Amino acid sequence: METQMKKKVGKKNKDAHVKRLHNYYQRTGFYMFIWESLKKAFIPIVLVVIGLFVFNKYVYNINDGLQTMTETFSRTSLLITFFVSETILGLLPPEIFIAWCKKTPTPLVNLAILAVLSYSGGILAYYLGKASLKINAVKEYLEVKMAKHLKNTKKWGGFLILVGALLPLPFAISCLTAGMIKYPIKNVIIFGLFRFLRFAIYGWAIFSVVN
């Protein structure tokens, strides 16, 4: 009897917490932000597909270039290069590597590996950002000159990660920034999972263009 009462009280408290969280997200525009982010993610995908089609038809045969890339560089070296890029500022467009996947014997496996490497690179970038706070110049700049901006950034840190994960922006920079503002790693891990969704969508789009 007592155990059942505790379970009921626990469930009631949990439901109340979920309701408060829902009301907070609704009031602060969290759900609308996610919806707008998903809509914004659709346009770049269409532009990437159209751009690849035009480039492939009128400028250079992408399939020939990817074939050369596959024959010239080893799978391991390409994956290492991608991981380093996704950890340090994300300077190389993931779309190039996604297109490369299609030319390999196991495109879906390699696409999944890319997604894992990108996600892992973002997490590592987070810790690099956190470690940079040990540099006095960086810490002073953030705490003094950027204090007001950081207050708002910490509040919407999850949005920062979400945007970096979904949209064609360097995911590593979003995670690096999250580390510098000491945003909770648990939230980075959760919001960062949207990175897998991006790779799935972009993979589908690019695979439909590359032969």
Foldseek 3Di string as FASTA:
>chain_A
DVVVVVVVVVVVVVVVVVVVVVVVCVVVVVVVLLVVLVVVLVVVLVVVLVVLQCCCPPPHPVQVVLVCVPVPDDPVVVLVVLLVLLQPQVPDQCLNVLLNLLVDPHSVVSLVSSLVSNLVSQLNLLVVLLVCCVPVVLVCCCVPVVVVVLVVCLVVLLSLQLSCLRHRGRNSVSSSVCSNSVRPSVSSNVSNVSNSVNSVSSSVSSSVRRD
